[in-house]
Amino acid sequence: MDQQILIVPVLLPILAGILMIIFKPKNKTYSPILIEGIVLLNSIIVWTIILTGMGRGDGATLFRLTYDLSVYFKLDGAGMVFAGLVSFLWPLATLYSFEYMEHGEHIRSFFSLYTMTYGVTLGIAMAGNLVTLYVFYEMLTLVTFPLVLHDRTREARRASRMYLYYSIGGAACAFMGLVFVLVGGTTTDFTLGGVFKNGVAGFDNNILLAMYVLAFFGFGVKAAICPVQKWLPAASVAPTPVTALLHAVAVVKSGAFAILRLTYYCYGADFLRGTWAHYLVSAFVMITIIYGSTMAVKEIHFKKRLAYSTISNVSYILLGAVMMSPLGLVAALSHLIFHAFMKICSFFAAGAVMHKANRNYVYELDGLGLKMPVTFACFAASALCLMGVPPFSGFISKWNIVQAALGEGGVLGICAVVVLLYSALMTSIYMLTVVVRAYIPPKGTDLSANEGVTDPGWKMLVPLVIFVIVFTAMGIYSRPITDSLSMIAAG
């Protein structure tokens, strides 16, 4: 009976969001205390499940689609990582949103959808089989599409349509991979090692590999892998609380997490390793890293530069994944965690600049570091973390990826290391450019426009400071995290 608690953190935010739409308050469009209370309560439930081990049983069935297919939740090691990450970040992101959105429009619908997205993302994290993951993966598109559309501008409409088209197309491709797991495998339940260890009698292995590639790129839409990455920079028109979760937690991480499930828990790394499918997806992952980091250097729009950075860094996770080894899985999970903190910090800092100074482009940031000291100190820390500078956690996850690549050896391993080095150089350029301009403006710059600009209020600053503390602490005390991830990779 205790397994039924797994359903609560998924359904509670979804139902709360629906009720916020149905029952409109008479005096206010929304209640910050109520919203934050629901989100905090949900996070407490998730962490109670994780710390007490209540999710380690047979799971909890929500409903059955057919006799053989059910939507059910079960929390294994990988699920705990993603669920714990989401439940830690969401209350802080919600707190940040209150100040950012205080003068915005359509606030009630914003927070109702924002809260529902929390539950849907947890549905992906806690999914006990590929069917459940796919159902909530589709739901994620439906609840985040209106958030991208939120401002109702021409750019927002165009970006939301692009996001919707890409996501629907990706879901169709992912569905083909699900069908072959269902037909050819013994189960759709997540099993470390996969269900195709020795192939499937009556199926040509090349067909199974083709379906894996199709599903990889299908789920890869939300992970913004080339050539299906165009929607992500366009989605930067959404409010910063939305783009931060799109880029750091809810959407791109759900795509990466789905690929981890597909690779290690459905098709199986042993079945895929050394095949043409393995080398094909690895090539596209490395192309994506190069593309994202190069475009970030060229991009002058502040949030779009961070969006291209996300394209590159999410493929760091996938680069670890395609090493098809336990060390590769550890590397992928570690970067999934660490990147979330550093990227949401950098996006929230950018959002603070847009909110308080109304600056959207990198060349407009000259001298703002002196006017917004806390904001840019946090951004500088996230920049160093993203670059992989010790002792920040970004160094640990990138080191894990390098170790996985060297362990793979051969041409693939060498190419992976070269790509990582190139991306590290580009990351230094596109992140430090912002930091240098903010603190050391070019000679002769007119700084009179900066008069009156200050740091935002505590609701926006507290999450920023917490993120810096967390990703710094995780870099200094990374051993417990790495050991736990190694245990997960070992089953």
Protein backbone atom coordinates (compact mmCIF):
# COMPACT_ATOMS: atom_id res chain seq x y z
CA MET A 1 0.00 0.00 0.00
CA ASP A 2 2.90 2.37 0.71
CA GLN A 3 3.79 2.20 -2.99
CA GLN A 4 0.68 4.23 -3.83
CA ILE A 5 2.42 7.30 -2.46
CA LEU A 6 4.40 7.37 -5.71
CA ILE A 7 1.27 8.61 -7.46
CA VAL A 8 0.82 11.60 -5.12
CA PRO A 9 3.73 13.86 -6.21
CA VAL A 10 2.79 13.34 -9.86
CA LEU A 11 -0.93 14.08 -9.52
CA LEU A 12 -0.85 16.75 -6.78
CA PRO A 13 0.70 19.56 -8.90
CA ILE A 14 -1.35 18.57 -11.96
CA LEU A 15 -4.63 18.70 -10.02
CA ALA A 16 -3.60 21.91 -8.26
CA GLY A 17 -2.84 23.55 -11.61
CA ILE A 18 -6.21 22.48 -13.02
CA LEU A 19 -8.04 23.82 -9.96
CA MET A 20 -6.22 27.15 -10.29
CA ILE A 21 -7.69 27.47 -13.77
CA ILE A 22 -11.21 26.39 -12.79
CA PHE A 23 -11.62 28.38 -9.57
CA LYS A 24 -10.73 32.03 -10.13
CA PRO A 25 -10.20 34.04 -6.91
CA LYS A 26 -12.33 37.17 -6.53
CA ASN A 27 -9.64 39.55 -5.29
CA LYS A 28 -6.38 38.17 -6.65
CA THR A 29 -5.31 36.43 -9.82
CA TYR A 30 -3.16 34.03 -7.80
CA SER A 31 -1.88 33.35 -4.28
CA PRO A 32 1.92 33.15 -3.99
CA ILE A 33 1.76 31.53 -0.55
CA LEU A 34 -0.63 28.83 -1.75
CA ILE A 35 1.38 28.07 -4.90
CA GLU A 36 4.71 27.96 -3.09
CA GLY A 37 3.12 25.85 -0.35
CA ILE A 38 1.87 23.26 -2.85
CA VAL A 39 5.24 23.09 -4.60
CA LEU A 40 7.15 22.81 -1.31
CA LEU A 41 4.79 20.13 -0.01
CA ASN A 42 5.26 18.16 -3.19
CA SER A 43 9.05 18.41 -2.95
CA ILE A 44 8.92 17.23 0.67
CA ILE A 45 6.88 14.21 -0.42
CA VAL A 46 9.40 13.38 -3.17
CA TRP A 47 12.38 13.63 -0.86
CA THR A 48 10.58 11.59 1.81
CA ILE A 49 10.06 8.85 -0.77
CA ILE A 50 13.72 9.00 -1.83
CA LEU A 51 15.23 9.07 1.66
CA THR A 52 12.98 6.39 3.15
CA GLY A 53 13.18 4.08 0.14
CA MET A 54 9.40 3.84 -0.23
CA GLY A 55 9.71 3.77 -4.02
CA ARG A 56 11.82 0.62 -4.19
CA GLY A 57 9.00 -1.93 -4.19
CA ASP A 58 6.89 -3.21 -7.06
CA GLY A 59 5.62 0.24 -8.01
CA ALA A 60 2.18 1.83 -8.15
CA THR A 61 -0.19 1.45 -11.11
CA LEU A 62 -2.16 4.54 -12.08
CA PHE A 63 -4.31 2.81 -14.71
CA ARG A 64 -4.10 0.07 -17.34
CA LEU A 65 -4.24 0.81 -21.05
CA THR A 66 -4.61 -2.88 -21.92
CA TYR A 67 -4.04 -6.13 -20.06
CA ASP A 68 -0.32 -5.94 -20.88
CA LEU A 69 0.19 -2.18 -20.86
CA SER A 70 -0.09 -0.03 -17.77
CA VAL A 71 0.86 3.45 -16.66
CA TYR A 72 2.73 2.89 -13.45
CA PHE A 73 5.43 4.48 -11.33
CA LYS A 74 8.52 2.98 -9.81
CA LEU A 75 11.53 4.82 -8.44
CA ASP A 76 14.86 3.17 -9.23
CA GLY A 77 18.30 4.78 -8.92
CA ALA A 78 18.18 6.80 -12.15
CA GLY A 79 14.64 7.94 -11.37
CA MET A 80 15.72 9.09 -7.91
CA VAL A 81 18.44 11.25 -9.47
CA PHE A 82 16.06 13.02 -11.83
CA ALA A 83 13.15 13.27 -9.38
CA GLY A 84 15.44 14.60 -6.63
CA LEU A 85 16.90 17.18 -9.01
CA VAL A 86 13.50 18.41 -10.19
CA SER A 87 12.01 18.56 -6.70
CA PHE A 88 14.97 20.56 -5.37
CA LEU A 89 14.95 23.15 -8.15
CA TRP A 90 11.22 23.71 -8.60
CA PRO A 91 10.42 25.52 -5.33
CA LEU A 92 13.34 27.91 -5.93
CA ALA A 93 12.27 28.51 -9.53
CA THR A 94 8.73 29.22 -8.36
CA LEU A 95 9.98 31.71 -5.76
CA TYR A 96 12.02 33.48 -8.45
CA SER A 97 8.95 33.60 -10.70
CA PHE A 98 6.85 35.57 -8.20
CA GLU A 99 9.05 38.66 -8.50
CA TYR A 100 9.79 38.24 -12.20
CA MET A 101 6.11 37.92 -13.13
CA GLU A 102 4.66 40.45 -10.66
CA HIS A 103 3.86 42.98 -13.41
CA GLY A 104 3.23 40.44 -16.15
CA GLU A 105 0.00 39.41 -17.87
CA HIS A 106 -1.94 36.14 -17.74
CA ILE A 107 -0.34 35.41 -14.37
CA ARG A 108 -2.95 32.91 -13.19
CA SER A 109 -2.65 30.77 -16.31
CA PHE A 110 1.14 31.03 -16.09
CA PHE A 111 1.36 29.65 -12.56
CA SER A 112 -1.27 26.99 -13.15
CA LEU A 113 0.68 25.61 -16.14
CA TYR A 114 4.00 26.10 -14.33
CA THR A 115 2.73 24.00 -11.42
CA MET A 116 1.28 21.33 -13.71
CA THR A 117 4.62 21.04 -15.50
CA TYR A 118 6.19 20.07 -12.16
CA GLY A 119 3.91 17.05 -11.84
CA VAL A 120 4.34 16.01 -15.48
CA THR A 121 8.14 16.17 -15.22
CA LEU A 122 8.00 14.01 -12.10
CA GLY A 123 5.86 11.58 -14.11
CA ILE A 124 8.80 11.18 -16.49
CA ALA A 125 11.27 10.81 -13.62
CA MET A 126 9.17 8.22 -11.78
CA ALA A 127 8.00 6.28 -14.84
CA GLY A 128 8.32 2.55 -14.28
CA ASN A 129 8.24 1.62 -17.96
CA LEU A 130 8.66 3.10 -21.41
CA VAL A 131 4.91 3.41 -21.92
CA THR A 132 4.53 5.64 -18.86
CA LEU A 133 7.54 7.72 -19.83
CA TYR A 134 6.09 8.21 -23.32
CA VAL A 135 2.66 9.24 -22.00
CA PHE A 136 4.13 11.93 -19.74
CA TYR A 137 6.63 12.93 -22.40
CA GLU A 138 3.68 13.80 -24.63
CA MET A 139 1.91 15.58 -21.76
CA LEU A 140 5.04 17.69 -21.23
CA THR A 141 4.62 19.12 -24.72
CA LEU A 142 1.00 20.00 -24.03
CA VAL A 143 1.63 21.86 -20.76
CA THR A 144 4.80 23.69 -21.84
CA PHE A 145 3.52 24.79 -25.26
CA PRO A 146 1.24 27.49 -23.73
CA LEU A 147 4.14 28.67 -21.54
CA VAL A 148 6.29 29.32 -24.62
CA LEU A 149 3.28 31.15 -26.11
CA HIS A 150 2.74 33.14 -22.90
CA ASP A 151 3.56 36.67 -24.16
CA ARG A 152 1.28 36.24 -27.21
CA THR A 153 3.67 38.24 -29.39
CA ARG A 154 4.40 37.38 -32.99
CA GLU A 155 7.76 35.90 -32.00
CA ALA A 156 6.12 33.89 -29.20
CA ARG A 157 3.51 32.48 -31.58
CA ARG A 158 6.16 31.50 -34.09
CA ALA A 159 8.37 29.93 -31.41
CA SER A 160 5.49 28.00 -29.84
CA ARG A 161 4.38 26.61 -33.21
CA MET A 162 7.93 25.51 -33.97
CA TYR A 163 8.24 23.88 -30.56
CA LEU A 164 4.93 22.09 -31.05
CA TYR A 165 5.75 20.82 -34.55
CA TYR A 166 9.19 19.57 -33.55
CA SER A 167 7.86 17.90 -30.41
CA ILE A 168 4.99 16.14 -32.18
CA GLY A 169 7.33 14.88 -34.89
CA GLY A 170 9.81 13.69 -32.30
CA ALA A 171 7.11 11.90 -30.34
CA ALA A 172 6.03 10.04 -33.50
CA CYS A 173 9.59 8.80 -34.03
CA ALA A 174 9.95 7.84 -30.37
CA PHE A 175 6.71 5.88 -30.61
CA MET A 176 8.24 3.61 -33.27
CA GLY A 177 11.05 2.72 -30.89
CA LEU A 178 8.51 2.02 -28.15
CA VAL A 179 6.54 -0.32 -30.43
CA PHE A 180 9.61 -2.41 -31.20
CA VAL A 181 10.52 -2.64 -27.52
CA LEU A 182 6.96 -3.75 -26.84
CA VAL A 183 6.86 -6.31 -29.67
CA GLY A 184 10.41 -7.59 -29.63
CA GLY A 185 11.30 -7.27 -25.96
CA THR A 186 10.05 -9.29 -23.05
CA THR A 187 8.79 -6.19 -21.21
CA THR A 188 8.57 -2.40 -21.44
CA ASP A 189 9.64 -2.15 -17.79
CA PHE A 190 12.96 -0.43 -17.27
CA THR A 191 15.64 -3.08 -16.77
CA LEU A 192 19.30 -2.11 -16.51
CA GLY A 193 21.03 -3.91 -19.37
CA GLY A 194 18.01 -3.69 -21.65
CA VAL A 195 15.78 -6.35 -23.21
CA PHE A 196 17.70 -6.97 -26.45
CA LYS A 197 20.89 -8.51 -25.08
CA ASN A 198 20.96 -11.26 -27.72
CA GLY A 199 18.70 -9.67 -30.31
CA VAL A 200 15.20 -10.93 -31.04
CA ALA A 201 14.35 -14.13 -32.85
CA GLY A 202 12.70 -13.36 -36.19
CA PHE A 203 13.98 -9.77 -36.30
CA ASP A 204 16.97 -8.54 -38.26
CA ASN A 205 19.20 -6.69 -35.80
CA ASN A 206 19.55 -3.86 -38.30
CA ILE A 207 15.81 -3.20 -38.03
CA LEU A 208 16.08 -3.01 -34.24
CA LEU A 209 19.06 -0.67 -34.57
CA ALA A 210 17.18 1.52 -37.05
CA MET A 211 14.29 1.79 -34.59
CA TYR A 212 16.72 2.75 -31.83
CA VAL A 213 18.15 5.53 -34.00
CA LEU A 214 14.65 6.73 -34.83
CA ALA A 215 13.66 6.79 -31.15
CA PHE A 216 16.99 8.40 -30.19
CA PHE A 217 16.31 11.37 -32.46
CA GLY A 218 12.64 11.36 -31.45
CA PHE A 219 13.47 11.84 -27.78
CA GLY A 220 16.44 13.93 -28.93
CA VAL A 221 14.09 16.67 -30.11
CA LYS A 222 13.58 17.81 -26.53
CA ALA A 223 17.29 17.32 -25.88
CA ALA A 224 17.90 19.71 -28.83
CA ILE A 225 20.26 17.43 -30.73
CA CYS A 226 21.21 18.39 -34.29
CA PRO A 227 19.42 18.59 -36.69
CA VAL A 228 16.27 19.07 -34.54
CA GLN A 229 17.57 21.82 -32.27
CA LYS A 230 16.18 24.93 -33.94
CA TRP A 231 13.20 25.27 -31.58
CA LEU A 232 15.33 25.84 -28.48
CA PRO A 233 16.90 29.26 -29.26
CA ALA A 234 13.53 30.39 -30.65
CA ALA A 235 11.85 29.45 -27.35
CA SER A 236 13.99 32.07 -25.57
CA VAL A 237 11.18 34.56 -26.21
CA ALA A 238 9.30 32.94 -23.31
CA PRO A 239 9.56 34.49 -19.81
CA THR A 240 12.86 33.67 -18.10
CA PRO A 241 11.31 31.32 -15.48
CA VAL A 242 10.01 29.28 -18.42
CA THR A 243 13.20 29.30 -20.45
CA ALA A 244 15.27 28.45 -17.39
CA LEU A 245 13.21 25.30 -16.78
CA LEU A 246 13.09 24.50 -20.50
CA HIS A 247 16.89 24.69 -20.66
CA ALA A 248 17.85 23.40 -17.23
CA VAL A 249 15.27 20.94 -15.95
CA ALA A 250 11.89 20.18 -17.43
CA VAL A 251 12.25 19.79 -21.19
CA VAL A 252 15.84 19.30 -22.30
CA LYS A 253 16.67 17.16 -19.27
CA SER A 254 13.55 15.07 -19.88
CA GLY A 255 14.78 14.46 -23.41
CA ALA A 256 18.24 13.47 -22.19
CA PHE A 257 16.77 11.32 -19.41
CA ALA A 258 14.49 9.55 -21.92
CA ILE A 259 17.53 8.74 -24.08
CA LEU A 260 19.34 7.32 -21.05
CA ARG A 261 16.32 5.11 -20.35
CA LEU A 262 16.10 4.06 -24.00
CA THR A 263 19.81 3.25 -24.26
CA TYR A 264 20.60 1.59 -20.94
CA TYR A 265 17.23 0.31 -19.74
CA CYS A 266 15.43 -0.71 -22.97
CA TYR A 267 17.68 -1.55 -25.92
CA GLY A 268 20.76 -2.16 -23.79
CA ALA A 269 24.31 -0.82 -24.07
CA ASP A 270 25.76 -4.27 -24.79
CA PHE A 271 23.40 -4.74 -27.74
CA LEU A 272 24.21 -1.30 -29.18
CA ARG A 273 27.95 -1.05 -28.53
CA GLY A 274 30.08 -1.20 -31.68
CA THR A 275 27.15 -1.16 -34.11
CA TRP A 276 26.55 1.32 -36.92
CA ALA A 277 23.74 2.84 -34.83
CA HIS A 278 26.19 3.45 -31.98
CA TYR A 279 28.61 5.32 -34.22
CA LEU A 280 25.86 7.25 -35.99
CA VAL A 281 24.27 8.69 -32.85
CA SER A 282 27.73 9.38 -31.39
CA ALA A 283 28.64 11.41 -34.48
CA PHE A 284 25.51 13.54 -34.23
CA VAL A 285 26.07 14.11 -30.51
CA MET A 286 29.57 15.44 -31.18
CA ILE A 287 28.34 17.56 -34.08
CA THR A 288 25.75 19.07 -31.74
CA ILE A 289 28.41 19.95 -29.14
CA ILE A 290 30.51 21.70 -31.77
CA TYR A 291 27.52 23.46 -33.30
CA GLY A 292 26.07 24.70 -30.00
CA SER A 293 29.32 26.06 -28.60
CA THR A 294 30.27 27.73 -31.91
CA MET A 295 26.88 29.40 -32.33
CA ALA A 296 27.00 30.60 -28.72
CA VAL A 297 30.19 32.53 -29.49
CA LYS A 298 28.51 34.20 -32.49
CA GLU A 299 25.21 34.99 -30.74
CA ILE A 300 24.86 38.50 -29.27
CA HIS A 301 21.41 38.10 -27.69
CA PHE A 302 21.99 37.30 -24.01
CA LYS A 303 19.40 34.55 -23.51
CA LYS A 304 19.90 33.04 -26.97
CA ARG A 305 23.63 32.76 -26.27
CA LEU A 306 22.76 30.72 -23.18
CA ALA A 307 20.29 28.71 -25.28
CA TYR A 308 23.03 27.66 -27.71
CA SER A 309 25.17 26.84 -24.69
CA THR A 310 22.37 24.53 -23.54
CA ILE A 311 22.34 22.77 -26.92
CA SER A 312 26.03 22.04 -26.49
CA ASN A 313 25.93 21.05 -22.83
CA VAL A 314 22.91 18.76 -22.99
CA SER A 315 24.82 16.82 -25.63
CA TYR A 316 27.62 16.46 -23.05
CA ILE A 317 25.12 14.28 -21.19
CA LEU A 318 24.43 12.32 -24.36
CA LEU A 319 28.15 12.03 -25.09
CA GLY A 320 28.57 10.24 -21.78
CA ALA A 321 25.54 8.10 -22.59
CA VAL A 322 26.82 6.98 -26.01
CA MET A 323 30.02 5.65 -24.49
CA MET A 324 27.77 2.64 -23.76
CA SER A 325 29.53 1.78 -20.50
CA PRO A 326 28.84 2.02 -16.74
CA LEU A 327 31.35 4.88 -16.53
CA GLY A 328 29.52 6.59 -19.39
CA LEU A 329 26.23 6.32 -17.48
CA VAL A 330 27.89 7.81 -14.38
CA ALA A 331 29.27 10.67 -16.50
CA ALA A 332 25.88 11.31 -18.09
CA LEU A 333 24.00 11.36 -14.78
CA SER A 334 26.60 13.57 -13.10
CA HIS A 335 26.43 16.18 -15.86
CA LEU A 336 22.62 15.94 -15.84
CA ILE A 337 22.72 17.02 -12.18
CA PHE A 338 25.52 19.57 -12.25
CA HIS A 339 24.52 21.27 -15.50
CA ALA A 340 21.01 21.86 -14.17
CA PHE A 341 22.31 24.00 -11.30
CA MET A 342 24.85 26.01 -13.26
CA LYS A 343 22.53 26.63 -16.21
CA ILE A 344 19.46 27.64 -14.20
CA CYS A 345 21.74 30.01 -12.27
CA SER A 346 23.04 31.65 -15.45
CA PHE A 347 19.54 31.95 -16.92
CA PHE A 348 18.14 33.44 -13.73
CA ALA A 349 21.00 35.96 -13.68
CA ALA A 350 20.20 36.90 -17.27
CA GLY A 351 16.53 37.20 -16.33
CA ALA A 352 17.43 39.51 -13.44
CA VAL A 353 19.33 41.76 -15.85
CA MET A 354 16.38 41.87 -18.24
CA HIS A 355 13.96 42.47 -15.37
CA LYS A 356 15.87 45.29 -13.63
CA ALA A 357 17.91 46.88 -16.45
CA ASN A 358 15.88 45.92 -19.53
CA ARG A 359 19.04 44.80 -21.35
CA ASN A 360 18.77 41.97 -23.89
CA TYR A 361 22.09 41.98 -25.73
CA VAL A 362 25.64 41.25 -24.64
CA TYR A 363 26.94 44.62 -25.86
CA GLU A 364 24.44 46.35 -23.53
CA LEU A 365 25.92 44.81 -20.37
CA ASP A 366 28.94 47.13 -20.08
CA GLY A 367 29.55 48.13 -16.47
CA LEU A 368 26.44 46.43 -15.05
CA GLY A 369 28.58 44.23 -12.79
CA LEU A 370 29.15 47.22 -10.54
CA LYS A 371 25.45 48.07 -10.38
CA MET A 372 24.20 44.49 -9.91
CA PRO A 373 27.02 42.96 -7.83
CA VAL A 374 25.18 39.90 -6.48
CA THR A 375 23.59 39.04 -9.82
CA PHE A 376 26.83 39.18 -11.79
CA ALA A 377 28.85 37.48 -9.04
CA CYS A 378 26.45 34.55 -9.35
CA PHE A 379 26.65 34.68 -13.14
CA ALA A 380 30.46 34.71 -12.99
CA ALA A 381 30.42 31.66 -10.72
CA SER A 382 28.07 29.83 -13.10
CA ALA A 383 30.34 30.79 -16.00
CA LEU A 384 33.39 29.28 -14.27
CA CYS A 385 31.37 26.17 -13.43
CA LEU A 386 30.17 25.83 -17.01
CA MET A 387 33.75 26.16 -18.23
CA GLY A 388 34.79 23.30 -15.96
CA VAL A 389 37.08 25.27 -13.64
CA PRO A 390 37.92 23.54 -10.32
CA PRO A 391 36.60 23.39 -7.64
CA PHE A 392 33.17 23.86 -9.22
CA SER A 393 31.06 20.83 -10.07
CA GLY A 394 31.31 21.41 -13.81
CA PHE A 395 34.89 20.19 -13.64
CA ILE A 396 33.82 16.91 -12.03
CA SER A 397 31.18 16.00 -14.63
CA LYS A 398 33.43 16.95 -17.54
CA TRP A 399 36.25 14.92 -16.02
CA ASN A 400 33.89 11.96 -15.76
CA ILE A 401 32.98 12.32 -19.44
CA VAL A 402 36.67 12.45 -20.41
CA GLN A 403 37.35 9.32 -18.35
CA ALA A 404 34.46 7.53 -20.04
CA ALA A 405 35.77 8.59 -23.46
CA LEU A 406 39.31 7.42 -22.65
CA GLY A 407 37.87 4.17 -21.35
CA GLU A 408 36.08 3.69 -24.67
CA GLY A 409 39.35 4.25 -26.53
CA GLY A 410 39.69 3.99 -30.28
CA VAL A 411 38.66 6.67 -32.75
CA LEU A 412 35.39 7.36 -30.94
CA GLY A 413 37.10 8.05 -27.63
CA ILE A 414 39.75 10.28 -29.20
CA CYS A 415 37.17 12.28 -31.15
CA ALA A 416 35.09 12.74 -28.01
CA VAL A 417 38.05 14.20 -26.09
CA VAL A 418 38.94 16.54 -28.96
CA VAL A 419 35.35 17.76 -29.17
CA LEU A 420 35.25 18.38 -25.41
CA LEU A 421 38.47 20.42 -25.57
CA TYR A 422 37.13 22.51 -28.45
CA SER A 423 33.86 23.11 -26.63
CA ALA A 424 35.71 24.07 -23.43
CA LEU A 425 37.59 26.76 -25.38
CA MET A 426 34.39 28.10 -26.96
CA THR A 427 32.64 28.05 -23.56
CA SER A 428 35.42 30.18 -22.08
CA ILE A 429 34.99 32.71 -24.87
CA TYR A 430 31.21 33.06 -24.84
CA MET A 431 30.85 33.10 -21.04
CA LEU A 432 33.87 35.24 -20.11
CA THR A 433 32.93 37.82 -22.74
CA VAL A 434 29.82 38.59 -20.71
CA VAL A 435 31.67 38.67 -17.39
CA VAL A 436 34.49 40.91 -18.68
CA ARG A 437 32.10 43.41 -20.28
CA ALA A 438 30.05 43.58 -17.07
CA TYR A 439 33.05 44.31 -14.84
CA ILE A 440 35.55 45.93 -17.23
CA PRO A 441 33.64 47.99 -19.82
CA PRO A 442 35.52 49.14 -22.93
CA LYS A 443 37.36 52.44 -22.57
CA GLY A 444 35.17 55.43 -23.31
CA THR A 445 31.88 53.59 -22.66
CA ASP A 446 29.03 55.89 -21.60
CA LEU A 447 27.77 54.37 -18.35
CA SER A 448 25.13 56.99 -17.64
CA ALA A 449 22.39 54.56 -18.78
CA ASN A 450 23.29 52.34 -15.79
CA GLU A 451 22.23 54.95 -13.25
CA GLY A 452 19.47 53.67 -11.00
CA VAL A 453 20.01 50.01 -11.92
CA THR A 454 20.19 47.70 -8.88
CA ASP A 455 20.05 44.04 -8.00
CA PRO A 456 16.55 42.53 -7.90
CA GLY A 457 14.71 41.71 -4.69
CA TRP A 458 15.27 38.77 -2.37
CA LYS A 459 12.85 36.47 -4.19
CA MET A 460 15.16 36.50 -7.22
CA LEU A 461 18.47 36.73 -5.37
CA VAL A 462 17.94 33.90 -2.86
CA PRO A 463 17.64 31.18 -5.56
CA LEU A 464 20.74 32.54 -7.33
CA VAL A 465 22.85 32.42 -4.18
CA ILE A 466 21.59 28.94 -3.27
CA PHE A 467 22.47 27.62 -6.73
CA VAL A 468 26.03 28.93 -6.41
CA ILE A 469 26.43 27.38 -2.97
CA VAL A 470 25.10 24.04 -4.20
CA PHE A 471 27.19 23.66 -7.35
CA THR A 472 30.29 24.80 -5.46
CA ALA A 473 29.65 22.33 -2.62
CA MET A 474 28.98 19.52 -5.09
CA GLY A 475 32.32 20.24 -6.73
CA ILE A 476 34.25 20.20 -3.46
CA TYR A 477 32.40 17.20 -2.00
CA SER A 478 31.69 15.28 -5.21
CA ARG A 479 32.81 11.87 -3.95
CA PRO A 480 29.50 10.86 -2.29
CA ILE A 481 27.57 11.82 -5.44
CA THR A 482 29.95 9.98 -7.76
CA ASP A 483 29.91 6.88 -5.55
CA SER A 484 26.11 6.87 -5.52
CA LEU A 485 25.97 7.23 -9.30
CA SER A 486 28.47 4.39 -9.67
CA MET A 487 26.17 2.18 -7.59
CA ILE A 488 23.25 3.10 -9.85
CA ALA A 489 25.27 2.30 -12.98
CA ALA A 490 26.22 -1.06 -11.45
CA GLY A 491 22.59 -1.88 -10.75
